[in-house]
């Protein structure tokens, strides 16, 4: 069982939606996604999409003041 209080949940099986764009992952992120694919047998597109959607509320945005010249 995951000890994370707010885990990202990947549900399987599920039909994936249409792809609307392309994103290039860093090598480290690709390794993570490939491990998740091996564990879940889900399409990579679905894994990445679910992570993005579920993680939105876990992201804090810090706005820094930019000095204007």
PDB file of N, CA and C in Angstrom:
ATOM      1  N   UNK A   1       0.838  -1.178   0.000  1.00  0.00           N
ATOM      2  CA  UNK A   1       0.000   0.000   0.000  1.00  0.00           C
ATOM      3  C   UNK A   1       0.882   1.240   0.000  1.00  0.00           C
ATOM      4  N   UNK A   2       0.523   2.229  -0.779  1.00  0.00           N
ATOM      5  CA  UNK A   2       1.279   3.463  -0.888  1.00  0.00           C
ATOM      6  C   UNK A   2       1.040   4.328   0.338  1.00  0.00           C
ATOM      7  N   UNK A   3       2.102   4.893   0.912  1.00  0.00           N
ATOM      8  CA  UNK A   3       1.967   5.730   2.097  1.00  0.00           C
ATOM      9  C   UNK A   3       1.634   7.171   1.755  1.00  0.00           C
ATOM     10  N   UNK A   4       1.620   7.534   0.483  1.00  0.00           N
ATOM     11  CA  UNK A   4       1.285   8.883   0.056  1.00  0.00           C
ATOM     12  C   UNK A   4      -0.174   9.166   0.377  1.00  0.00           C
ATOM     13  N   UNK A   5      -0.477  10.255   1.097  1.00  0.00           N
ATOM     14  CA  UNK A   5      -1.866  10.548   1.454  1.00  0.00           C
ATOM     15  C   UNK A   5      -2.729  10.916   0.245  1.00  0.00           C
ATOM     16  N   UNK A   6      -2.129  11.375  -0.835  1.00  0.00           N
ATOM     17  CA  UNK A   6      -2.859  11.759  -2.040  1.00  0.00           C
ATOM     18  C   UNK A   6      -2.257  11.073  -3.257  1.00  0.00           C
ATOM     19  N   UNK A   7      -2.386   9.741  -3.349  1.00  0.00           N
ATOM     20  CA  UNK A   7      -1.754   9.053  -4.475  1.00  0.00           C
ATOM     21  C   UNK A   7      -2.453   9.364  -5.791  1.00  0.00           C
ATOM     22  N   UNK A   8      -1.691   9.313  -6.858  1.00  0.00           N
ATOM     23  CA  UNK A   8      -2.262   9.396  -8.201  1.00  0.00           C
ATOM     24  C   UNK A   8      -2.731   7.987  -8.532  1.00  0.00           C
ATOM     25  N   UNK A   9      -3.981   7.863  -8.946  1.00  0.00           N
ATOM     26  CA  UNK A   9      -4.585   6.556  -9.181  1.00  0.00           C
ATOM     27  C   UNK A   9      -4.663   6.286 -10.674  1.00  0.00           C
ATOM     28  N   UNK A  10      -4.120   5.165 -11.120  1.00  0.00           N
ATOM     29  CA  UNK A  10      -4.235   4.742 -12.511  1.00  0.00           C
ATOM     30  C   UNK A  10      -5.240   3.608 -12.562  1.00  0.00           C
ATOM     31  N   UNK A  11      -6.346   3.828 -13.268  1.00  0.00           N
ATOM     32  CA  UNK A  11      -7.389   2.817 -13.359  1.00  0.00           C
ATOM     33  C   UNK A  11      -7.224   2.028 -14.648  1.00  0.00           C
ATOM     34  N   UNK A  12      -7.406   0.733 -14.546  1.00  0.00           N
ATOM     35  CA  UNK A  12      -7.249  -0.133 -15.710  1.00  0.00           C
ATOM     36  C   UNK A  12      -8.362  -1.159 -15.694  1.00  0.00           C
ATOM     37  N   UNK A  13      -8.921  -1.560 -16.791  1.00  0.00           N
ATOM     38  CA  UNK A  13      -8.764  -1.028 -18.142  1.00  0.00           C
ATOM     39  C   UNK A  13      -9.698   0.160 -18.380  1.00  0.00           C
ATOM     40  N   UNK A  14      -9.326   0.990 -19.321  1.00  0.00           N
ATOM     41  CA  UNK A  14     -10.114   2.167 -19.673  1.00  0.00           C
ATOM     42  C   UNK A  14      -9.760   2.560 -21.094  1.00  0.00           C
ATOM     43  N   UNK A  15     -10.734   3.025 -21.823  1.00  0.00           N
ATOM     44  CA  UNK A  15     -10.471   3.494 -23.177  1.00  0.00           C
ATOM     45  C   UNK A  15      -9.778   4.845 -23.109  1.00  0.00           C
ATOM     46  N   UNK A  16      -8.759   5.036 -23.921  1.00  0.00           N
ATOM     47  CA  UNK A  16      -8.063   6.308 -23.919  1.00  0.00           C
ATOM     48  C   UNK A  16      -8.724   7.287 -24.876  1.00  0.00           C
ATOM     49  N   UNK A  17      -8.553   8.576 -24.583  1.00  0.00           N
ATOM     50  CA  UNK A  17      -9.130   9.637 -25.402  1.00  0.00           C
ATOM     51  C   UNK A  17      -8.198   9.977 -26.560  1.00  0.00           C
ATOM     52  N   UNK A  18      -8.697  10.842 -27.447  1.00  0.00           N
ATOM     53  CA  UNK A  18      -7.887  11.310 -28.564  1.00  0.00           C
ATOM     54  C   UNK A  18      -6.706  12.124 -28.051  1.00  0.00           C
ATOM     55  N   UNK A  19      -5.597  12.033 -28.727  1.00  0.00           N
ATOM     56  CA  UNK A  19      -4.414  12.803 -28.389  1.00  0.00           C
ATOM     57  C   UNK A  19      -4.510  14.165 -29.067  1.00  0.00           C
ATOM     58  N   UNK A  20      -4.226  15.236 -28.337  1.00  0.00           N
ATOM     59  CA  UNK A  20      -4.329  16.563 -28.930  1.00  0.00           C
ATOM     60  C   UNK A  20      -2.981  17.244 -29.111  1.00  0.00           C
ATOM     61  N   UNK A  21      -1.922  16.622 -28.691  1.00  0.00           N
ATOM     62  CA  UNK A  21      -0.618  17.250 -28.840  1.00  0.00           C
ATOM     63  C   UNK A  21       0.502  16.304 -28.494  1.00  0.00           C
ATOM     64  N   UNK A  22       1.713  16.801 -28.631  1.00  0.00           N
ATOM     65  CA  UNK A  22       2.893  15.993 -28.353  1.00  0.00           C
ATOM     66  C   UNK A  22       3.745  16.691 -27.312  1.00  0.00           C
ATOM     67  N   UNK A  23       4.221  15.920 -26.358  1.00  0.00           N
ATOM     68  CA  UNK A  23       5.105  16.439 -25.322  1.00  0.00           C
ATOM     69  C   UNK A  23       6.328  15.544 -25.283  1.00  0.00           C
ATOM     70  N   UNK A  24       7.497  16.149 -25.226  1.00  0.00           N
ATOM     71  CA  UNK A  24       8.736  15.380 -25.112  1.00  0.00           C
ATOM     72  C   UNK A  24       9.105  15.288 -23.639  1.00  0.00           C
ATOM     73  N   UNK A  25       9.305  14.071 -23.178  1.00  0.00           N
ATOM     74  CA  UNK A  25       9.652  13.839 -21.784  1.00  0.00           C
ATOM     75  C   UNK A  25      11.156  13.871 -21.588  1.00  0.00           C
ATOM     76  N   UNK A  26      11.562  14.228 -20.378  1.00  0.00           N
ATOM     77  CA  UNK A  26      12.970  14.112 -20.034  1.00  0.00           C
ATOM     78  C   UNK A  26      13.289  12.625 -19.918  1.00  0.00           C
ATOM     79  N   UNK A  27      14.551  12.242 -20.034  1.00  0.00           N
ATOM     80  CA  UNK A  27      14.899  10.822 -19.891  1.00  0.00           C
ATOM     81  C   UNK A  27      14.437  10.233 -18.554  1.00  0.00           C
ATOM     82  N   UNK A  28      14.559  10.992 -17.475  1.00  0.00           N
ATOM     83  CA  UNK A  28      14.130  10.513 -16.159  1.00  0.00           C
ATOM     84  C   UNK A  28      12.620  10.268 -16.122  1.00  0.00           C
ATOM     85  N   UNK A  29      11.828  11.208 -16.682  1.00  0.00           N
ATOM     86  CA  UNK A  29      10.378  11.049 -16.713  1.00  0.00           C
ATOM     87  C   UNK A  29       9.984   9.862 -17.588  1.00  0.00           C
ATOM     88  N   UNK A  30      10.692   9.657 -18.685  1.00  0.00           N
ATOM     89  CA  UNK A  30      10.388   8.523 -19.558  1.00  0.00           C
ATOM     90  C   UNK A  30      10.604   7.198 -18.838  1.00  0.00           C
ATOM     91  N   UNK A  31      11.662   7.109 -18.045  1.00  0.00           N
ATOM     92  CA  UNK A  31      11.903   5.882 -17.289  1.00  0.00           C
ATOM     93  C   UNK A  31      10.758   5.601 -16.324  1.00  0.00           C
ATOM     94  N   UNK A  32      10.276   6.651 -15.659  1.00  0.00           N
ATOM     95  CA  UNK A  32       9.153   6.492 -14.723  1.00  0.00           C
ATOM     96  C   UNK A  32       7.914   6.000 -15.462  1.00  0.00           C
ATOM     97  N   UNK A  33       7.610   6.636 -16.583  1.00  0.00           N
ATOM     98  CA  UNK A  33       6.421   6.255 -17.356  1.00  0.00           C
ATOM     99  C   UNK A  33       6.542   4.826 -17.869  1.00  0.00           C
ATOM    100  N   UNK A  34       7.715   4.438 -18.303  1.00  0.00           N
ATOM    101  CA  UNK A  34       7.906   3.062 -18.781  1.00  0.00           C
ATOM    102  C   UNK A  34       7.752   2.046 -17.648  1.00  0.00           C
ATOM    103  N   UNK A  35       8.209   2.394 -16.445  1.00  0.00           N
ATOM    104  CA  UNK A  35       8.003   1.500 -15.294  1.00  0.00           C
ATOM    105  C   UNK A  35       6.512   1.363 -14.989  1.00  0.00           C
ATOM    106  N   UNK A  36       5.788   2.488 -15.026  1.00  0.00           N
ATOM    107  CA  UNK A  36       4.345   2.448 -14.773  1.00  0.00           C
ATOM    108  C   UNK A  36       3.624   1.634 -15.851  1.00  0.00           C
ATOM    109  N   UNK A  37       4.079   1.756 -17.098  1.00  0.00           N
ATOM    110  CA  UNK A  37       3.469   0.977 -18.178  1.00  0.00           C
ATOM    111  C   UNK A  37       3.688  -0.516 -17.953  1.00  0.00           C
ATOM    112  N   UNK A  38       4.886  -0.871 -17.521  1.00  0.00           N
ATOM    113  CA  UNK A  38       5.192  -2.277 -17.268  1.00  0.00           C
ATOM    114  C   UNK A  38       4.336  -2.834 -16.130  1.00  0.00           C
ATOM    115  N   UNK A  39       4.049  -2.002 -15.138  1.00  0.00           N
ATOM    116  CA  UNK A  39       3.251  -2.440 -13.996  1.00  0.00           C
ATOM    117  C   UNK A  39       1.752  -2.496 -14.302  1.00  0.00           C
ATOM    118  N   UNK A  40       1.274  -1.577 -15.165  1.00  0.00           N
ATOM    119  CA  UNK A  40      -0.172  -1.458 -15.394  1.00  0.00           C
ATOM    120  C   UNK A  40      -0.640  -2.005 -16.731  1.00  0.00           C
ATOM    121  N   UNK A  41       0.267  -2.106 -17.694  1.00  0.00           N
ATOM    122  CA  UNK A  41      -0.087  -2.506 -19.059  1.00  0.00           C
ATOM    123  C   UNK A  41      -0.995  -1.489 -19.748  1.00  0.00           C
ATOM    124  N   UNK A  42      -1.034  -0.261 -19.230  1.00  0.00           N
ATOM    125  CA  UNK A  42      -1.824   0.806 -19.842  1.00  0.00           C
ATOM    126  C   UNK A  42      -1.006   1.504 -20.914  1.00  0.00           C
ATOM    127  N   UNK A  43      -1.659   2.119 -21.889  1.00  0.00           N
ATOM    128  CA  UNK A  43      -0.925   2.908 -22.885  1.00  0.00           C
ATOM    129  C   UNK A  43      -0.220   4.095 -22.218  1.00  0.00           C
ATOM    130  N   UNK A  44       0.955   4.426 -22.698  1.00  0.00           N
ATOM    131  CA  UNK A  44       1.717   5.537 -22.143  1.00  0.00           C
ATOM    132  C   UNK A  44       0.914   6.826 -22.183  1.00  0.00           C
ATOM    133  N   UNK A  45       0.202   7.061 -23.261  1.00  0.00           N
ATOM    134  CA  UNK A  45      -0.609   8.278 -23.386  1.00  0.00           C
ATOM    135  C   UNK A  45      -1.617   8.375 -22.254  1.00  0.00           C
ATOM    136  N   UNK A  46      -2.234   7.267 -21.901  1.00  0.00           N
ATOM    137  CA  UNK A  46      -3.225   7.269 -20.830  1.00  0.00           C
ATOM    138  C   UNK A  46      -2.567   7.514 -19.471  1.00  0.00           C
ATOM    139  N   UNK A  47      -1.421   6.897 -19.237  1.00  0.00           N
ATOM    140  CA  UNK A  47      -0.709   7.080 -17.973  1.00  0.00           C
ATOM    141  C   UNK A  47      -0.348   8.546 -17.776  1.00  0.00           C
ATOM    142  N   UNK A  48       0.268   9.141 -18.780  1.00  0.00           N
ATOM    143  CA  UNK A  48       0.695  10.532 -18.668  1.00  0.00           C
ATOM    144  C   UNK A  48      -0.507  11.458 -18.522  1.00  0.00           C
ATOM    145  N   UNK A  49      -1.559  11.214 -19.271  1.00  0.00           N
ATOM    146  CA  UNK A  49      -2.763  12.045 -19.181  1.00  0.00           C
ATOM    147  C   UNK A  49      -3.387  11.973 -17.794  1.00  0.00           C
ATOM    148  N   UNK A  50      -3.485  10.779 -17.228  1.00  0.00           N
ATOM    149  CA  UNK A  50      -4.060  10.610 -15.893  1.00  0.00           C
ATOM    150  C   UNK A  50      -3.209  11.320 -14.839  1.00  0.00           C
ATOM    151  N   UNK A  51      -1.900  11.209 -14.960  1.00  0.00           N
ATOM    152  CA  UNK A  51      -1.017  11.870 -14.002  1.00  0.00           C
ATOM    153  C   UNK A  51      -1.221  13.383 -14.053  1.00  0.00           C
ATOM    154  N   UNK A  52      -1.279  13.941 -15.236  1.00  0.00           N
ATOM    155  CA  UNK A  52      -1.449  15.388 -15.382  1.00  0.00           C
ATOM    156  C   UNK A  52      -2.775  15.841 -14.786  1.00  0.00           C
ATOM    157  N   UNK A  53      -3.847  15.163 -15.124  1.00  0.00           N
ATOM    158  CA  UNK A  53      -5.178  15.553 -14.648  1.00  0.00           C
ATOM    159  C   UNK A  53      -5.266  15.425 -13.128  1.00  0.00           C
ATOM    160  N   UNK A  54      -4.789  14.302 -12.588  1.00  0.00           N
ATOM    161  CA  UNK A  54      -4.903  14.072 -11.153  1.00  0.00           C
ATOM    162  C   UNK A  54      -3.930  14.929 -10.335  1.00  0.00           C
ATOM    163  N   UNK A  55      -2.827  15.325 -10.928  1.00  0.00           N
ATOM    164  CA  UNK A  55      -1.814  16.090 -10.200  1.00  0.00           C
ATOM    165  C   UNK A  55      -2.105  17.584 -10.170  1.00  0.00           C
ATOM    166  N   UNK A  56      -3.028  18.056 -10.973  1.00  0.00           N
ATOM    167  CA  UNK A  56      -3.276  19.501 -11.056  1.00  0.00           C
ATOM    168  C   UNK A  56      -3.518  20.123  -9.679  1.00  0.00           C
ATOM    169  N   UNK A  57      -4.331  19.486  -8.847  1.00  0.00           N
ATOM    170  CA  UNK A  57      -4.646  20.042  -7.531  1.00  0.00           C
ATOM    171  C   UNK A  57      -3.527  19.867  -6.516  1.00  0.00           C
ATOM    172  N   UNK A  58      -2.495  19.123  -6.864  1.00  0.00           N
ATOM    173  CA  UNK A  58      -1.361  18.921  -5.976  1.00  0.00           C
ATOM    174  C   UNK A  58      -0.235  19.920  -6.243  1.00  0.00           C
ATOM    175  N   UNK A  59      -0.427  20.772  -7.237  1.00  0.00           N
ATOM    176  CA  UNK A  59       0.620  21.700  -7.666  1.00  0.00           C
ATOM    177  C   UNK A  59       0.395  23.067  -7.043  1.00  0.00           C
ATOM    178  N   UNK A  60       1.432  23.575  -6.379  1.00  0.00           N
ATOM    179  CA  UNK A  60       1.414  24.941  -5.866  1.00  0.00           C
ATOM    180  C   UNK A  60       2.188  25.800  -6.844  1.00  0.00           C
ATOM    181  N   UNK A  61       1.639  26.955  -7.172  1.00  0.00           N
ATOM    182  CA  UNK A  61       2.295  27.866  -8.102  1.00  0.00           C
ATOM    183  C   UNK A  61       2.793  29.068  -7.327  1.00  0.00           C
ATOM    184  N   UNK A  62       4.071  29.324  -7.440  1.00  0.00           N
ATOM    185  CA  UNK A  62       4.681  30.474  -6.786  1.00  0.00           C
ATOM    186  C   UNK A  62       4.994  31.508  -7.859  1.00  0.00           C
ATOM    187  N   UNK A  63       4.451  32.704  -7.684  1.00  0.00           N
ATOM    188  CA  UNK A  63       4.698  33.788  -8.628  1.00  0.00           C
ATOM    189  C   UNK A  63       5.740  34.695  -8.031  1.00  0.00           C
ATOM    190  N   UNK A  64       6.841  34.874  -8.753  1.00  0.00           N
ATOM    191  CA  UNK A  64       7.885  35.759  -8.268  1.00  0.00           C
ATOM    192  C   UNK A  64       7.751  37.112  -8.945  1.00  0.00           C
ATOM    193  N   UNK A  65       8.062  38.151  -8.184  1.00  0.00           N
ATOM    194  CA  UNK A  65       8.018  39.497  -8.740  1.00  0.00           C
ATOM    195  C   UNK A  65       9.215  39.698  -9.647  1.00  0.00           C
ATOM    196  N   UNK A  66       8.958  40.180 -10.849  1.00  0.00           N
ATOM    197  CA  UNK A  66      10.030  40.439 -11.799  1.00  0.00           C
ATOM    198  C   UNK A  66      10.281  41.934 -11.813  1.00  0.00           C
ATOM    199  N   UNK A  67      11.519  42.312 -11.578  1.00  0.00           N
ATOM    200  CA  UNK A  67      11.865  43.732 -11.587  1.00  0.00           C
ATOM    201  C   UNK A  67      11.816  44.242 -13.015  1.00  0.00           C
ATOM    202  N   UNK A  68      11.102  45.354 -13.203  1.00  0.00           N
ATOM    203  CA  UNK A  68      11.026  45.969 -14.531  1.00  0.00           C
ATOM    204  C   UNK A  68      12.078  47.040 -14.611  1.00  0.00           C
ATOM    205  N   UNK A  69      12.828  47.074 -15.714  1.00  0.00           N
ATOM    206  CA  UNK A  69      13.878  48.087 -15.892  1.00  0.00           C
ATOM    207  C   UNK A  69      13.338  49.323 -16.513  1.00  0.00           C
TER     208      UNK A  69
END
